[in-house]
Protein backbone atom coordinates (compact mmCIF):
# COMPACT_ATOMS: atom_id res chain seq x y z
CA MET A 1 4.57 4.31 -110.37
CA GLN A 2 5.42 3.52 -106.75
CA SER A 3 7.07 5.71 -104.21
CA ASP A 4 8.60 4.14 -100.86
CA GLY A 5 5.90 1.38 -100.27
CA VAL A 6 2.81 3.52 -101.54
CA VAL A 7 1.21 2.46 -104.84
CA VAL A 8 0.17 5.78 -106.36
CA ASP A 9 -1.68 4.82 -109.39
CA SER A 10 -3.59 1.50 -108.92
CA PRO A 11 -7.22 1.71 -109.90
CA GLY A 12 -9.17 2.69 -106.93
CA ARG A 13 -6.29 3.35 -104.75
CA ALA A 14 -5.83 6.71 -102.54
CA ILE A 15 -2.63 7.66 -100.90
CA THR A 16 -3.89 8.15 -97.31
CA ILE A 17 -2.07 11.02 -95.09
CA ALA A 18 -2.71 11.98 -91.46
CA ILE A 19 -1.30 15.11 -89.71
CA LEU A 20 -1.56 15.15 -85.83
CA ALA A 21 -0.58 18.62 -84.31
CA MET A 22 -1.70 21.02 -82.01
CA GLY A 23 -3.11 24.55 -82.14
CA GLY A 24 -0.84 27.23 -83.44
CA GLU A 25 1.87 24.67 -84.90
CA GLY A 26 0.44 24.94 -88.45
CA GLY A 27 -1.10 21.77 -89.16
CA GLY A 28 -3.71 23.12 -91.27
CA VAL A 29 -1.17 24.92 -93.40
CA LEU A 30 0.96 21.69 -93.65
CA ALA A 31 -2.38 20.10 -94.97
CA ASP A 32 -2.99 22.69 -97.47
CA TRP A 33 0.64 22.49 -98.70
CA ILE A 34 0.30 18.79 -99.40
CA VAL A 35 -3.13 19.37 -101.19
CA ASP A 36 -1.58 22.10 -103.33
CA VAL A 37 1.36 20.00 -104.33
CA GLY A 38 -1.12 16.99 -105.33
CA GLU A 39 -3.32 18.80 -107.13
CA HIS A 40 -0.63 20.60 -109.17
CA CYS A 41 0.86 17.09 -109.80
CA GLY A 42 -2.39 15.34 -111.41
CA PHE A 43 -4.25 14.29 -108.21
CA ILE A 44 -7.53 14.72 -107.02
CA ALA A 45 -7.27 15.83 -103.34
CA GLN A 46 -9.52 16.02 -100.36
CA THR A 47 -8.73 17.26 -96.85
CA THR A 48 -10.68 17.31 -93.48
CA SER A 49 -9.84 18.29 -89.97
CA VAL A 50 -11.18 16.69 -87.00
CA PRO A 51 -10.47 19.15 -83.96
CA GLY A 52 -10.29 17.26 -80.36
CA VAL A 53 -9.06 17.68 -76.64
CA ALA A 54 -7.13 14.55 -76.75
CA GLN A 55 -4.16 15.76 -74.61
CA ARG A 56 -3.13 19.43 -73.96
CA THR A 57 -6.63 20.73 -75.70
CA GLY A 58 -6.30 22.03 -79.00
CA SER A 59 -5.06 18.53 -80.74
CA THR A 60 -6.21 18.22 -84.43
CA ILE A 61 -5.99 15.22 -86.78
CA TYR A 62 -5.78 16.62 -90.31
CA TYR A 63 -6.60 14.03 -92.88
CA ILE A 64 -5.75 13.92 -96.66
CA GLU A 65 -6.41 11.77 -99.42
CA LEU A 66 -4.94 12.03 -102.85
CA PHE A 67 -6.22 10.01 -105.90
CA PRO A 68 -4.70 9.79 -109.40
CA GLU A 69 -6.80 11.76 -111.57
CA LYS A 70 -5.90 9.68 -114.61
CA SER A 71 -7.42 6.69 -112.51
CA ALA A 72 -10.62 8.51 -112.04
CA ARG A 73 -10.79 9.32 -115.93
CA ALA A 74 -10.05 5.69 -116.74
CA ALA A 75 -12.84 4.51 -114.53
CA GLY A 76 -15.23 6.98 -115.69
CA LYS A 77 -16.28 8.22 -112.32
CA ASP A 78 -15.06 10.40 -109.40
CA PRO A 79 -13.62 8.56 -106.42
CA VAL A 80 -15.20 8.21 -103.19
CA LEU A 81 -12.78 9.73 -100.33
CA ALA A 82 -13.05 9.15 -96.73
CA LEU A 83 -13.29 11.96 -94.20
CA MET A 84 -11.45 10.37 -91.38
CA PRO A 85 -8.43 8.26 -91.13
CA VAL A 86 -9.15 4.22 -90.47
CA PRO A 87 -6.67 2.37 -88.37
CA GLY A 88 -4.53 0.14 -90.61
CA GLU A 89 -5.09 2.05 -93.78
CA VAL A 90 -2.95 5.17 -93.26
CA ASP A 91 0.19 5.35 -95.72
CA ILE A 92 1.89 8.42 -94.14
CA VAL A 93 1.62 9.80 -90.71
CA LEU A 94 3.21 13.17 -89.42
CA ALA A 95 3.14 13.86 -85.80
CA SER A 96 4.13 17.80 -84.76
CA GLU A 97 5.35 16.08 -81.16
CA LEU A 98 6.29 13.02 -79.38
CA MET A 99 3.10 12.52 -77.58
CA GLU A 100 1.01 13.01 -80.51
CA ALA A 101 3.26 10.44 -82.27
CA GLY A 102 2.52 7.96 -79.46
CA ARG A 103 -1.35 8.93 -79.78
CA ALA A 104 -1.14 8.06 -83.42
CA VAL A 105 0.45 4.31 -82.58
CA GLN A 106 -2.21 4.09 -79.87
CA ARG A 107 -5.02 4.72 -82.41
CA GLY A 108 -3.76 2.20 -84.83
CA LEU A 109 -2.93 4.53 -87.51
CA VAL A 110 0.53 3.57 -87.93
CA THR A 111 1.26 -0.16 -89.20
CA PRO A 112 4.36 -1.76 -89.77
CA GLN A 113 3.22 -3.18 -93.27
CA ARG A 114 2.34 0.15 -94.72
CA THR A 115 3.26 3.45 -92.95
CA THR A 116 5.76 5.82 -93.35
CA PHE A 117 5.92 7.43 -90.07
CA ILE A 118 7.31 11.38 -89.47
CA ALA A 119 7.70 12.30 -85.99
CA SER A 120 9.36 15.38 -84.24
CA THR A 121 10.82 14.40 -80.67
CA ASN A 122 10.24 17.64 -79.18
CA ARG A 123 7.72 17.52 -75.96
CA VAL A 124 4.99 19.78 -75.33
CA TYR A 125 3.98 18.07 -71.59
CA SER A 126 0.47 16.99 -71.12
CA MET A 127 -1.74 18.15 -68.08
CA THR A 128 -1.32 14.72 -66.57
CA GLU A 129 2.75 14.97 -66.64
CA LYS A 130 2.30 18.55 -65.41
CA THR A 131 0.25 18.17 -62.63
CA ALA A 132 1.76 15.12 -61.11
CA VAL A 133 3.29 15.30 -57.76
CA ALA A 134 6.54 13.42 -58.77
CA ASP A 135 7.88 13.21 -62.15
CA GLY A 136 5.06 12.41 -64.26
CA GLN A 137 6.98 12.64 -67.44
CA VAL A 138 6.25 9.83 -70.01
CA ASP A 139 9.56 7.79 -70.76
CA ALA A 140 10.50 9.51 -74.14
CA THR A 141 12.86 6.53 -75.07
CA GLN A 142 9.94 4.15 -74.66
CA LEU A 143 7.83 6.21 -76.91
CA LEU A 144 10.41 6.42 -79.79
CA GLU A 145 11.03 2.62 -79.51
CA SER A 146 7.32 2.08 -79.61
CA CYS A 147 7.00 4.40 -82.49
CA ARG A 148 9.79 2.85 -84.38
CA GLY A 149 8.46 -0.87 -84.01
CA ALA A 150 5.15 0.36 -85.07
CA ALA A 151 6.15 1.85 -88.45
CA ARG A 152 7.27 0.43 -91.93
CA ARG A 153 9.61 3.44 -91.98
CA PHE A 154 10.28 5.80 -89.08
CA VAL A 155 11.80 9.27 -89.30
CA SER A 156 12.45 11.10 -86.09
CA CYS A 157 14.11 14.58 -85.41
CA ASP A 158 13.52 17.65 -83.37
CA PHE A 159 11.85 19.42 -86.22
CA ALA A 160 10.54 22.00 -83.57
CA ARG A 161 14.28 22.97 -83.10
CA ILE A 162 14.71 23.12 -86.75
CA ALA A 163 11.90 25.55 -87.34
CA GLU A 164 12.83 27.57 -84.21
CA GLN A 165 16.37 27.94 -85.83
CA LYS A 166 15.15 29.30 -89.19
CA GLN A 167 12.54 31.37 -87.35
CA SER A 168 9.66 29.39 -89.30
CA ALA A 169 6.76 27.01 -88.01
CA ILE A 170 7.31 23.29 -87.63
CA SER A 171 4.74 22.65 -90.51
CA ALA A 172 7.42 23.86 -93.08
CA ALA A 173 10.20 21.53 -91.42
CA LEU A 174 7.50 18.39 -91.62
CA LEU A 175 6.89 19.20 -95.04
CA GLY A 176 10.65 19.02 -95.87
CA ALA A 177 10.90 15.68 -93.95
CA LEU A 178 7.79 14.30 -96.04
CA ALA A 179 9.59 15.32 -99.33
CA GLY A 180 12.70 13.76 -97.96
CA THR A 181 11.62 10.34 -97.27
CA ALA A 182 10.13 10.17 -100.83
CA ALA A 183 6.83 8.64 -99.56
CA LEU A 184 5.17 10.78 -102.07
CA PRO A 185 5.98 10.64 -105.89
CA PHE A 186 6.56 14.34 -106.02
CA PRO A 187 10.20 16.12 -106.56
CA LYS A 188 11.09 18.63 -103.91
CA GLU A 189 10.75 21.63 -106.26
CA ASP A 190 6.97 20.74 -106.48
CA PHE A 191 6.91 21.07 -102.48
CA GLU A 192 8.92 24.38 -102.81
CA GLN A 193 6.55 25.98 -105.22
CA ALA A 194 3.51 25.07 -102.96
CA ILE A 195 5.35 27.27 -100.30
CA ARG A 196 5.81 29.94 -102.56
CA ARG A 197 2.31 29.88 -103.98
CA SER A 198 1.20 30.24 -100.28
CA GLY A 199 2.96 33.91 -100.34
CA VAL A 200 3.39 33.93 -96.55
CA GLY A 201 6.61 33.81 -94.67
CA VAL A 202 8.04 32.13 -97.77
CA ASP A 203 11.83 32.50 -97.10
CA ALA A 204 11.51 31.44 -93.62
CA SER A 205 9.33 28.39 -94.77
CA LEU A 206 11.62 27.22 -97.67
CA ALA A 207 14.61 27.53 -95.18
CA ALA A 208 12.95 25.28 -92.36
CA PHE A 209 11.65 23.10 -95.54
CA ALA A 210 15.49 22.43 -96.75
CA SER A 211 16.63 21.82 -93.23
CA GLY A 212 13.67 19.16 -92.77
CA LEU A 213 14.42 17.65 -96.05
CA GLU A 214 18.05 17.11 -95.20
CA ALA A 215 17.43 15.72 -91.78
CA ALA A 216 14.98 13.14 -93.28
CA GLN A 217 17.63 11.97 -95.62
CA LEU A 218 20.10 11.05 -93.03
CA ALA A 219 21.44 7.29 -92.75
CA PRO A 220 18.39 5.15 -91.41
CA GLY A 221 18.69 4.49 -87.88
CA THR A 222 20.06 8.19 -86.77
CA THR A 223 17.96 10.36 -85.01
CA PRO A 224 19.04 14.00 -85.91
CA GLY A 225 18.37 17.02 -83.79
CA GLN A 226 20.25 15.61 -80.88
CA PRO A 227 23.40 17.10 -80.42
CA ILE A 228 26.26 15.99 -78.13
CA ALA A 229 26.40 18.17 -74.90
CA ALA A 230 29.33 20.14 -74.73
CA LYS A 231 31.32 20.01 -71.39
CA ARG A 232 30.37 22.69 -69.30
CA LYS A 233 32.72 25.65 -69.33
CA PRO A 234 32.32 27.96 -66.25
CA GLY A 235 32.14 31.66 -66.49
CA PRO A 236 34.88 34.06 -64.79
CA ARG A 237 32.50 34.17 -61.58
CA LEU A 238 32.85 30.36 -61.17
CA LEU A 239 36.42 29.80 -61.79
CA ARG A 240 37.42 29.27 -58.05
CA LEU A 241 34.54 27.22 -57.31
CA ALA A 242 34.93 25.09 -60.47
CA ALA A 243 38.57 24.63 -59.54
CA ARG A 244 37.73 23.47 -56.08
CA ILE A 245 35.24 20.98 -57.56
CA ASP A 246 38.08 19.59 -59.99
CA ALA A 247 40.35 19.19 -56.94
CA SER A 248 38.17 18.02 -54.01
CA PHE A 249 35.28 16.37 -55.68
CA PRO A 250 35.18 12.74 -57.73
CA THR A 251 34.88 12.97 -61.39
CA GLN A 252 31.36 11.22 -61.41
CA THR A 253 29.78 14.21 -59.62
CA HIS A 254 31.34 16.84 -61.51
CA GLU A 255 28.22 17.58 -64.08
CA VAL A 256 25.95 17.93 -61.22
CA LEU A 257 28.21 19.97 -59.06
CA PHE A 258 28.96 22.44 -62.07
CA ALA A 259 25.27 22.74 -62.48
CA GLY A 260 24.59 23.30 -58.95
CA ILE A 261 27.33 26.28 -58.19
CA GLU A 262 26.11 27.69 -61.38
CA ARG A 263 22.49 27.75 -60.18
CA LEU A 264 23.36 29.27 -56.84
CA VAL A 265 25.54 32.05 -57.95
CA ASP A 266 22.91 33.01 -60.15
CA TYR A 267 20.49 32.46 -57.40
CA GLN A 268 22.18 34.50 -54.76
CA ASP A 269 26.06 34.63 -54.80
CA GLU A 270 29.48 32.88 -54.90
CA ASP A 271 29.65 32.81 -51.00
CA TYR A 272 26.12 31.02 -51.31
CA ALA A 273 27.45 28.42 -53.93
CA ARG A 274 30.57 27.73 -51.55
CA THR A 275 28.31 26.94 -48.45
CA TYR A 276 26.81 24.22 -51.00
CA LEU A 277 30.24 22.82 -51.57
CA ASP A 278 31.18 23.04 -47.77
CA ARG A 279 28.00 21.17 -46.86
CA LEU A 280 28.89 18.33 -49.64
CA GLU A 281 32.24 17.78 -48.47
CA SER A 282 31.36 15.74 -45.17
CA ILE A 283 28.85 13.82 -47.50
CA ARG A 284 31.78 13.17 -49.95
CA ASP A 285 33.94 11.74 -47.30
CA LEU A 286 31.29 9.51 -45.80
CA ASP A 287 30.27 8.26 -49.22
CA ALA A 288 33.85 7.45 -49.88
CA LYS A 289 34.02 5.41 -46.80
CA TYR A 290 30.33 3.81 -46.79
CA GLY A 291 29.70 3.74 -50.46
CA LYS A 292 30.60 1.38 -53.31
CA GLY A 293 32.90 3.68 -55.30
CA GLN A 294 30.49 5.24 -57.42
CA PHE A 295 29.28 8.03 -55.39
CA PHE A 296 25.62 7.64 -55.67
CA LEU A 297 24.83 9.36 -52.47
CA LEU A 298 26.95 12.40 -53.15
CA ARG A 299 25.28 12.83 -56.61
CA GLU A 300 21.79 12.59 -55.33
CA VAL A 301 22.31 14.88 -52.28
CA ALA A 302 24.24 17.47 -54.70
CA ARG A 303 21.28 17.28 -57.00
CA TYR A 304 18.45 17.92 -54.36
CA LEU A 305 20.67 20.19 -52.24
CA ALA A 306 21.07 22.63 -55.03
CA LEU A 307 17.40 22.81 -55.81
CA TRP A 308 16.53 23.01 -52.34
CA MET A 309 19.16 25.88 -51.70
CA SER A 310 17.42 27.79 -54.57
CA TYR A 311 13.85 27.51 -53.43
CA GLU A 312 11.51 30.03 -55.06
CA ASP A 313 10.41 32.81 -53.48
CA ALA A 314 8.95 36.34 -54.39
CA ALA A 315 12.38 37.74 -55.28
CA ARG A 316 13.39 34.92 -57.56
CA VAL A 317 9.98 34.90 -59.31
CA ALA A 318 10.46 38.66 -59.88
CA ASP A 319 13.87 38.08 -60.90
CA LEU A 320 13.01 35.74 -63.60
CA LYS A 321 10.34 37.81 -65.03
CA THR A 322 12.49 40.93 -65.45
CA ARG A 323 15.24 39.31 -67.24
CA ARG A 324 16.32 40.43 -70.72
CA GLY A 325 16.14 36.83 -71.86
CA ARG A 326 12.50 36.22 -70.82
CA PHE A 327 11.48 39.60 -72.86
CA GLU A 328 13.60 38.24 -76.00
CA ARG A 329 11.96 34.57 -75.65
CA VAL A 330 8.47 35.91 -75.60
CA ARG A 331 8.78 38.17 -78.54
CA SER A 332 10.68 35.29 -80.23
CA GLU A 333 7.70 32.57 -79.49
CA SER A 334 4.97 35.29 -80.41
CA ARG A 335 6.73 35.97 -83.87
CA ALA A 336 6.34 39.57 -83.36
CA GLN A 337 7.98 41.72 -86.28
CA THR A 338 10.48 44.35 -85.54
CA VAL A 339 7.95 47.16 -85.84
CA GLN A 340 5.35 45.60 -83.63
CA LEU A 341 5.18 46.14 -79.75
CA VAL A 342 4.66 43.15 -77.36
CA GLN A 343 3.08 43.84 -73.78
CA ILE A 344 3.27 41.45 -71.08
CA ASN A 345 0.79 41.41 -68.21
CA GLU A 346 1.59 39.38 -65.03
CA PHE A 347 -1.17 38.35 -62.46
CA ILE A 348 0.22 39.03 -59.22
CA TYR A 349 -1.61 37.43 -56.03
CA PRO A 350 0.72 37.34 -53.15
CA ARG A 351 -0.53 35.19 -50.01
CA ILE A 352 0.31 36.63 -46.59
CA GLU A 353 2.78 33.82 -46.07
CA GLU A 354 4.73 34.82 -48.95
CA ILE A 355 4.97 38.36 -47.74
CA ALA A 356 5.97 37.12 -44.70
CA ASP A 357 8.58 35.06 -45.88
CA MET A 358 10.41 38.20 -47.30
CA MET A 359 10.48 39.92 -44.22
CA PRO A 360 13.26 39.75 -41.37
CA THR A 361 12.62 36.72 -39.52
CA ALA A 362 11.09 38.59 -36.36
CA ILE A 363 8.85 40.73 -38.17
CA GLY A 364 7.56 37.86 -40.49
CA ARG A 365 6.65 35.80 -37.50
CA TRP A 366 4.94 38.74 -36.03
CA LEU A 367 2.86 39.31 -39.15
CA LEU A 368 1.81 35.47 -39.09
CA ASP A 369 0.96 35.46 -35.49
CA SER A 370 -0.81 38.98 -35.30
CA ARG A 371 -4.65 39.10 -36.10
CA VAL A 372 -4.25 42.70 -36.40
CA ALA A 373 -1.13 42.68 -39.01
CA ARG A 374 -2.54 39.81 -40.87
CA SER A 375 -6.03 41.96 -41.26
CA ILE A 376 -3.90 45.10 -42.47
CA ALA A 377 -1.74 42.95 -44.99
CA VAL A 378 -4.75 41.32 -46.51
CA ARG A 379 -6.24 44.68 -46.92
CA LEU A 380 -3.37 46.12 -48.76
CA PHE A 381 -1.97 42.97 -50.56
CA GLY A 382 -4.96 40.35 -50.52
CA HIS A 383 -6.33 41.17 -53.98
CA GLY A 384 -4.95 40.31 -56.96
CA ARG A 385 -3.51 42.85 -59.70
CA ILE A 386 -2.05 42.84 -63.29
CA VAL A 387 1.32 44.31 -63.75
CA GLN A 388 2.57 45.09 -66.99
CA THR A 389 6.26 44.29 -67.03
CA THR A 390 6.70 45.90 -70.49
CA SER A 391 5.76 49.35 -68.90
CA LEU A 392 8.26 51.24 -66.92
CA GLY A 393 6.03 51.50 -63.86
CA GLY A 394 5.37 47.68 -63.99
CA PHE A 395 8.88 46.79 -64.74
CA LEU A 396 10.28 48.89 -61.77
CA GLN A 397 7.66 47.10 -59.15
CA LEU A 398 8.98 43.74 -60.05
CA TYR A 399 12.86 44.90 -60.38
CA PHE A 400 12.29 46.63 -56.80
CA ILE A 401 11.19 43.00 -55.58
CA ALA A 402 13.78 41.27 -57.26
CA GLU A 403 16.28 43.25 -55.61
CA LEU A 404 15.24 42.05 -52.08
CA ARG A 405 17.34 38.87 -53.03
CA ARG A 406 20.28 41.22 -51.40
CA TRP A 407 18.62 40.66 -48.09
CA ARG A 408 17.41 37.36 -48.63
CA ARG A 409 19.57 35.84 -45.60
CA ARG A 410 17.80 37.89 -43.27
CA SER A 411 14.33 36.61 -44.16
CA LEU A 412 11.88 34.34 -42.37
CA ARG A 413 11.82 32.05 -45.26
CA PHE A 414 15.63 31.72 -45.77
CA HIS A 415 15.78 31.16 -41.80
CA GLU A 416 13.29 28.29 -41.96
CA GLU A 417 14.75 26.65 -45.13
CA GLN A 418 18.13 26.28 -43.92
CA SER A 419 17.12 25.01 -40.54
CA ARG A 420 15.55 22.26 -42.33
CA ILE A 421 18.13 21.73 -44.55
CA GLU A 422 20.61 21.18 -41.75
CA MET A 423 18.36 19.07 -39.93
CA TRP A 424 17.89 16.75 -43.19
CA LEU A 425 21.72 16.64 -43.82
CA ARG A 426 22.45 15.65 -40.00
CA GLN A 427 19.57 12.86 -40.27
CA LEU A 428 21.24 11.90 -43.72
CA LYS A 429 24.84 11.56 -42.34
CA ASP A 430 24.00 9.59 -39.26
CA LEU A 431 22.16 7.15 -41.15
CA THR A 432 24.93 6.60 -43.93
CA GLN A 433 27.17 5.18 -41.24
CA GLU A 434 24.66 2.30 -40.37
CA ASP A 435 22.73 1.78 -43.80
CA TYR A 436 23.99 3.19 -46.94
CA ASP A 437 21.00 2.03 -49.06
CA ALA A 438 18.55 3.76 -46.62
CA ALA A 439 20.42 6.92 -46.61
CA LEU A 440 19.99 6.78 -50.32
CA GLU A 441 16.38 6.85 -49.97
CA VAL A 442 16.38 9.77 -47.41
CA ALA A 443 18.71 11.81 -50.16
CA GLU A 444 15.40 11.38 -51.90
CA PHE A 445 13.06 13.23 -49.38
CA PRO A 446 13.33 16.62 -50.75
CA ARG A 447 11.29 15.23 -53.92
CA VAL A 448 8.07 15.73 -52.01
CA VAL A 449 8.39 19.15 -51.10
CA LYS A 450 7.55 21.30 -54.28
CA GLY A 451 5.17 23.92 -55.81
CA TYR A 452 3.81 26.91 -53.64
CA GLY A 453 0.82 27.66 -51.55
CA ASP A 454 -0.91 24.73 -50.08
CA THR A 455 0.98 22.22 -52.38
CA HIS A 456 4.02 23.57 -50.89
CA LEU A 457 2.51 23.19 -47.41
CA ASN A 458 1.52 19.75 -47.81
CA GLY A 459 4.91 18.89 -49.16
CA ARG A 460 6.36 20.07 -46.10
CA ARG A 461 4.25 18.25 -43.98
CA LYS A 462 5.11 14.88 -45.90
CA PHE A 463 8.90 15.81 -45.41
CA ASP A 464 8.26 16.14 -41.73
CA LEU A 465 6.45 12.86 -41.40
CA LEU A 466 9.20 11.06 -43.60
CA ILE A 467 11.73 12.53 -41.26
CA SER A 468 10.07 11.86 -38.12
CA SER A 469 9.78 8.06 -39.09
CA LEU A 470 13.61 7.57 -39.10
CA PRO A 471 14.09 6.91 -35.56
CA PHE A 472 11.82 3.80 -35.66
CA LEU A 473 13.33 2.40 -39.14
CA ARG A 474 16.91 2.50 -37.81
CA GLY A 475 18.24 -0.87 -37.51
CA ARG A 476 15.84 -2.61 -39.39
CA LYS A 477 16.84 -4.52 -42.32
CA ASP A 478 13.96 -3.36 -44.55
CA ALA A 479 14.49 0.36 -43.68
CA ALA A 480 15.47 1.12 -47.34
CA SER A 481 12.49 -0.72 -48.93
CA VAL A 482 10.12 0.92 -46.43
CA LEU A 483 11.47 4.42 -47.19
CA ARG A 484 11.21 3.73 -51.03
CA SER A 485 7.67 2.64 -50.61
CA SER A 486 6.81 5.64 -48.33
CA ILE A 487 8.14 8.38 -50.73
CA GLU A 488 6.07 6.52 -53.48
CA SER A 489 3.10 7.18 -51.27
CA ALA A 490 3.89 10.48 -50.33
CA LEU A 491 3.92 11.31 -54.30
CA ALA A 492 0.75 9.30 -54.78
CA ASP A 493 -1.53 12.26 -53.61
CA GLU A 494 -1.36 15.87 -52.93
CA THR A 495 -2.11 15.46 -49.08
CA ALA A 496 -0.06 13.34 -46.62
CA VAL A 497 -2.95 10.97 -46.04
CA LYS A 498 -1.63 8.07 -48.02
CA LEU A 499 1.75 8.52 -46.54
CA ASN A 500 0.35 8.53 -43.10
CA ASP A 501 -1.53 5.43 -43.79
CA ALA A 502 1.05 3.67 -45.38
CA LEU A 503 3.80 4.52 -42.47
CA ASN A 504 1.03 3.17 -40.10
CA ALA A 505 0.50 -0.15 -42.19
CA ILE A 506 4.10 -0.74 -42.95
CA LEU A 507 5.52 0.12 -39.56
CA HIS A 508 2.98 -1.63 -37.51
CA ALA A 509 3.14 -4.82 -39.55
CA LYS A 510 6.46 -5.73 -37.89
CA PRO A 511 6.47 -4.17 -34.47
CA ILE A 512 9.74 -2.45 -33.33
CA GLU A 513 10.93 -3.88 -29.85
CA THR A 514 12.23 -0.89 -28.59
CA ALA A 515 8.92 1.31 -28.97
CA GLU A 516 5.84 1.16 -30.36
CA MET A 517 4.86 3.93 -32.80
CA VAL A 518 1.60 5.76 -33.85
CA VAL A 519 1.31 8.21 -36.56
CA VAL A 520 -1.30 10.86 -36.08
CA GLN A 521 -1.97 14.41 -37.72
CA GLY A 522 1.24 14.05 -39.72
CA ARG A 523 3.81 13.17 -37.30
CA VAL A 524 5.50 10.00 -35.67
CA SER A 525 5.39 9.81 -32.16
CA GLN A 526 5.49 7.49 -29.25
CA PRO A 527 2.34 6.82 -27.35
CA PRO A 528 2.17 8.25 -23.37
CA ALA A 529 3.35 6.06 -20.79
CA LYS A 530 0.72 3.58 -19.33
CA GLY A 531 -0.61 4.24 -15.80
């Protein structure tokens, strides 16, 4: 007998299955279900697990071998089954996440002559992706192509989303996909009976199983679970702003602009989103005059301006933590039953700078400049505390902080951020009229500012260094390439050291006739006059 490429009853031949999953995803349950199916269908089954910390800590390889019992009886001896998967010798590989799928390919567990490969396309980002100063995401498209090219048969789908929709675990959806590929010689009824025999979450698991099976049986070459994005429909608060976008801005930029006003109205109010569009009108006009008709500059400026104008301060963080949707999401992700209580503890450790940021401009600067005021503030707020947002007292504490958004426009942080934004836009507008390609790079400058605390301060220093280098680059034919490499240097480490060194090396390599430049302590300046 033969299933999809797997000979299941030849003498001495076991079916080999590897499952790559992370903690909490039910990889062990999935392995137990497969073993249960095999044993009830006349196979000798063995399963092992190899825990590891390969990626995000907790990654585990579950390995299963199924050997036909009648072949063992015919040989008159028990089979010797392996404890770990051997590269090139695995018939079926299941991966609970796209990076896990890539890891299976990297380990050589997937081969084009033999392996049926089932992978979920959802992402759980690795620590290297999360801690990267720039966008450290691994290219999902390349990962999928690598997986598709490595396997005999490749089935990909967002099985995590399927499981979430059915309020089950991804293991049930992956079991359905396994049944749907017919890579094992068992009918779907046997898989369903294994779920029923487990006796835990049966109804939800069966629903996820059915959806996973259906997804795996789609026509070859399709990747289910990727719905077509519907056109954004603005809510009542956004109708006037949306109408202004439709009437005044090019179609190529509408998607970014709709997302921008939606974010800023949620962050502050309609007037703030209106300021956003006001700032972009001059960029639109310059792009129409000096661009190439695609409005690349307008689109990039709109994206980074929306993010910058919605910077995260204490009020924003408190607002997000006290929203109904967050409590519902935590309850859903914890899979708490209706009768169970869920408690959420927030660890809050405000820095003096963060406290000063939310104060009126004059008071905030006084707090930062006064040793006495700082000392008192440290005694009052300088120790971390745990706030239980699911209690009335804890919720009200964060709710009060969130309400400070009403006075955000008077705050020190707002004043500083708006000043820097205006300075960035002025430089951008001036440069666009001289060098459109260089202006595109300047539009990327806000990328280097992110995070909070020391990370944010270092990002500000990088931004200032990039801005202060512009007078020395204007008029140079290689200005765009210099700025591009400078941004890459800024994103290469958390400090401004590499950027500082890169600007010195690049700009001194081709001296500027009008002025010699030096870069010291994170700023560009002209040397003092001689004599």
